[in-house]
C-alpha cells in the first residue's frame, strides 16, 4: 500500500511557496518536508484540514492511494 502526497503539485497550481504554506498552516518546515517527501507515517486531521484550507483544495487533491500490486 502506498499513499502518494501531491502537495508540490497543489503548491505549483496555487503559485504558493513552501514557506508561505508553513506559515498559513502553522507547522514547521521540517514537518512539511517529511510530509511532502512521503516519509510521514501519519497526519492529523487538523493538519490536513489546515493544508486544504490554505491550498483551497480537497484531501483527495493532495492524497492518492496506489496499490503495490
N, C-alpha and C. Protein backbone atom coordinates (compact mmCIF):
# COMPACT_ATOMS: atom_id res chain seq x y z
N UNK A 1 0.85 -1.19 0.00
CA UNK A 1 0.00 0.00 0.00
C UNK A 1 0.89 1.24 0.00
N UNK A 2 0.55 2.20 -0.81
CA UNK A 2 1.32 3.43 -0.87
C UNK A 2 0.37 4.62 -0.97
N UNK A 3 0.61 5.58 -0.14
CA UNK A 3 -0.11 6.85 -0.21
C UNK A 3 0.84 7.87 -0.82
N UNK A 4 0.45 8.47 -1.92
CA UNK A 4 1.26 9.45 -2.62
C UNK A 4 0.76 10.84 -2.22
N UNK A 5 1.71 11.73 -1.90
CA UNK A 5 1.38 13.09 -1.48
C UNK A 5 1.66 14.04 -2.64
N UNK A 6 0.67 14.86 -2.98
CA UNK A 6 0.78 15.79 -4.10
C UNK A 6 0.78 17.25 -3.64
N UNK A 7 1.42 17.53 -2.52
CA UNK A 7 1.46 18.91 -2.03
C UNK A 7 2.22 19.80 -3.01
N UNK A 8 3.32 19.30 -3.58
CA UNK A 8 4.09 20.11 -4.54
C UNK A 8 3.24 20.53 -5.73
N UNK A 9 2.41 19.62 -6.21
CA UNK A 9 1.54 19.91 -7.35
C UNK A 9 0.56 21.03 -6.99
N UNK A 10 -0.04 20.92 -5.80
CA UNK A 10 -1.01 21.94 -5.39
C UNK A 10 -0.32 23.27 -5.12
N UNK A 11 0.89 23.24 -4.57
CA UNK A 11 1.64 24.49 -4.36
C UNK A 11 1.89 25.18 -5.69
N UNK A 12 2.27 24.41 -6.70
CA UNK A 12 2.52 24.98 -8.02
C UNK A 12 1.24 25.55 -8.63
N UNK A 13 0.13 24.81 -8.50
CA UNK A 13 -1.15 25.28 -9.04
C UNK A 13 -1.59 26.58 -8.38
N UNK A 14 -1.31 26.70 -7.09
CA UNK A 14 -1.74 27.89 -6.33
C UNK A 14 -0.67 28.99 -6.32
N UNK A 15 0.48 28.71 -6.97
CA UNK A 15 1.59 29.66 -7.00
C UNK A 15 1.96 30.11 -5.58
N UNK A 16 2.11 29.12 -4.70
CA UNK A 16 2.40 29.36 -3.29
C UNK A 16 3.73 28.70 -2.94
N UNK A 17 4.52 29.36 -2.11
CA UNK A 17 5.79 28.79 -1.68
C UNK A 17 5.58 27.87 -0.48
N UNK A 18 6.56 27.00 -0.26
CA UNK A 18 6.52 26.11 0.90
C UNK A 18 6.52 26.95 2.18
N UNK A 19 7.31 28.00 2.20
CA UNK A 19 7.37 28.87 3.37
C UNK A 19 6.02 29.50 3.66
N UNK A 20 5.35 29.96 2.63
CA UNK A 20 4.02 30.56 2.80
C UNK A 20 3.04 29.53 3.36
N UNK A 21 3.10 28.30 2.84
CA UNK A 21 2.20 27.25 3.33
C UNK A 21 2.48 26.94 4.80
N UNK A 22 3.74 26.83 5.19
CA UNK A 22 4.05 26.53 6.59
C UNK A 22 3.53 27.62 7.51
N UNK A 23 3.61 28.87 7.08
CA UNK A 23 3.11 29.99 7.89
C UNK A 23 1.59 29.93 8.01
N UNK A 24 0.91 29.63 6.91
CA UNK A 24 -0.56 29.57 6.94
C UNK A 24 -1.07 28.39 7.75
N UNK A 25 -0.36 27.25 7.67
CA UNK A 25 -0.81 26.03 8.35
C UNK A 25 -0.36 26.00 9.80
N UNK A 26 0.79 26.61 10.09
CA UNK A 26 1.30 26.61 11.46
C UNK A 26 2.11 25.37 11.80
N UNK A 27 2.80 24.80 10.79
CA UNK A 27 3.69 23.68 11.05
C UNK A 27 5.10 24.07 10.64
N UNK A 28 6.06 23.32 11.11
CA UNK A 28 7.45 23.65 10.79
C UNK A 28 7.79 23.22 9.37
N UNK A 29 8.84 23.83 8.85
CA UNK A 29 9.33 23.47 7.52
C UNK A 29 9.76 21.99 7.51
N UNK A 30 10.37 21.54 8.60
CA UNK A 30 10.82 20.15 8.70
C UNK A 30 9.63 19.19 8.62
N UNK A 31 8.55 19.48 9.34
CA UNK A 31 7.38 18.61 9.31
C UNK A 31 6.71 18.61 7.94
N UNK A 32 6.65 19.75 7.30
CA UNK A 32 6.05 19.80 5.97
C UNK A 32 6.93 19.04 4.98
N UNK A 33 8.23 19.13 5.13
CA UNK A 33 9.16 18.41 4.26
C UNK A 33 8.97 16.90 4.40
N UNK A 34 8.83 16.42 5.63
CA UNK A 34 8.59 15.00 5.87
C UNK A 34 7.30 14.56 5.19
N UNK A 35 6.28 15.37 5.29
CA UNK A 35 5.00 15.05 4.66
C UNK A 35 5.12 15.07 3.13
N UNK A 36 5.72 16.13 2.60
CA UNK A 36 5.87 16.27 1.14
C UNK A 36 6.65 15.13 0.52
N UNK A 37 7.65 14.66 1.22
CA UNK A 37 8.53 13.62 0.69
C UNK A 37 8.01 12.21 0.92
N UNK A 38 6.82 12.10 1.48
CA UNK A 38 6.21 10.80 1.67
C UNK A 38 6.82 9.98 2.79
N UNK A 39 7.51 10.62 3.71
CA UNK A 39 8.17 9.92 4.82
C UNK A 39 7.31 9.88 6.08
N UNK A 40 6.20 10.62 6.08
CA UNK A 40 5.33 10.67 7.26
C UNK A 40 4.58 9.36 7.42
N UNK A 41 4.41 8.93 8.65
CA UNK A 41 3.65 7.72 8.94
C UNK A 41 2.19 8.05 9.24
N UNK A 42 1.92 9.32 9.55
CA UNK A 42 0.56 9.73 9.90
C UNK A 42 0.43 11.24 9.68
N UNK A 43 -0.82 11.68 9.60
CA UNK A 43 -1.11 13.11 9.55
C UNK A 43 -2.37 13.35 10.36
N UNK A 44 -2.35 14.38 11.16
CA UNK A 44 -3.53 14.72 11.95
C UNK A 44 -4.59 15.33 11.03
N UNK A 45 -5.83 15.03 11.33
CA UNK A 45 -6.92 15.61 10.54
C UNK A 45 -6.89 17.13 10.62
N UNK A 46 -6.52 17.68 11.77
CA UNK A 46 -6.45 19.13 11.90
C UNK A 46 -5.39 19.72 10.97
N UNK A 47 -4.27 19.02 10.81
CA UNK A 47 -3.22 19.47 9.90
C UNK A 47 -3.69 19.34 8.46
N UNK A 48 -4.31 18.22 8.12
CA UNK A 48 -4.85 18.03 6.78
C UNK A 48 -5.89 19.09 6.45
N UNK A 49 -6.73 19.39 7.42
CA UNK A 49 -7.76 20.43 7.22
C UNK A 49 -7.11 21.78 6.97
N UNK A 50 -6.08 22.12 7.75
CA UNK A 50 -5.40 23.40 7.60
C UNK A 50 -4.70 23.51 6.24
N UNK A 51 -4.10 22.40 5.78
CA UNK A 51 -3.45 22.39 4.47
C UNK A 51 -4.49 22.59 3.37
N UNK A 52 -5.60 21.88 3.47
CA UNK A 52 -6.66 22.01 2.48
C UNK A 52 -7.24 23.42 2.47
N UNK A 53 -7.39 24.01 3.64
CA UNK A 53 -7.91 25.38 3.71
C UNK A 53 -6.93 26.35 3.06
N UNK A 54 -5.64 26.20 3.37
CA UNK A 54 -4.62 27.10 2.83
C UNK A 54 -4.49 26.97 1.32
N UNK A 55 -4.60 25.73 0.82
CA UNK A 55 -4.44 25.48 -0.62
C UNK A 55 -5.77 25.52 -1.37
N UNK A 56 -6.87 25.73 -0.63
CA UNK A 56 -8.21 25.76 -1.21
C UNK A 56 -8.45 24.52 -2.07
N UNK A 57 -8.31 23.35 -1.42
CA UNK A 57 -8.47 22.09 -2.13
C UNK A 57 -9.14 21.06 -1.24
N UNK A 58 -9.39 19.89 -1.79
CA UNK A 58 -9.96 18.77 -1.06
C UNK A 58 -8.84 17.80 -0.70
N UNK A 59 -9.01 16.97 0.34
CA UNK A 59 -7.98 15.99 0.69
C UNK A 59 -7.57 15.11 -0.49
N UNK A 60 -8.51 14.76 -1.33
CA UNK A 60 -8.22 13.93 -2.50
C UNK A 60 -7.33 14.62 -3.53
N UNK A 61 -7.22 15.94 -3.44
CA UNK A 61 -6.34 16.68 -4.35
C UNK A 61 -4.87 16.51 -3.96
N UNK A 62 -4.62 16.19 -2.69
CA UNK A 62 -3.23 16.06 -2.25
C UNK A 62 -2.85 14.65 -1.82
N UNK A 63 -3.84 13.78 -1.62
CA UNK A 63 -3.57 12.40 -1.23
C UNK A 63 -4.07 11.45 -2.30
N UNK A 64 -3.23 10.46 -2.63
CA UNK A 64 -3.62 9.45 -3.63
C UNK A 64 -3.17 8.08 -3.14
N UNK A 65 -4.02 7.08 -3.29
CA UNK A 65 -3.69 5.71 -2.92
C UNK A 65 -3.27 4.95 -4.17
N UNK A 66 -2.14 4.26 -4.08
CA UNK A 66 -1.70 3.38 -5.16
C UNK A 66 -1.42 2.01 -4.57
N UNK A 67 -1.94 0.99 -5.19
CA UNK A 67 -1.72 -0.37 -4.76
C UNK A 67 -0.29 -0.81 -5.10
N UNK A 68 0.28 -1.65 -4.26
CA UNK A 68 1.63 -2.17 -4.51
C UNK A 68 1.63 -3.25 -5.58
N UNK A 69 0.47 -3.69 -5.99
CA UNK A 69 0.38 -4.79 -6.96
C UNK A 69 0.85 -4.39 -8.33
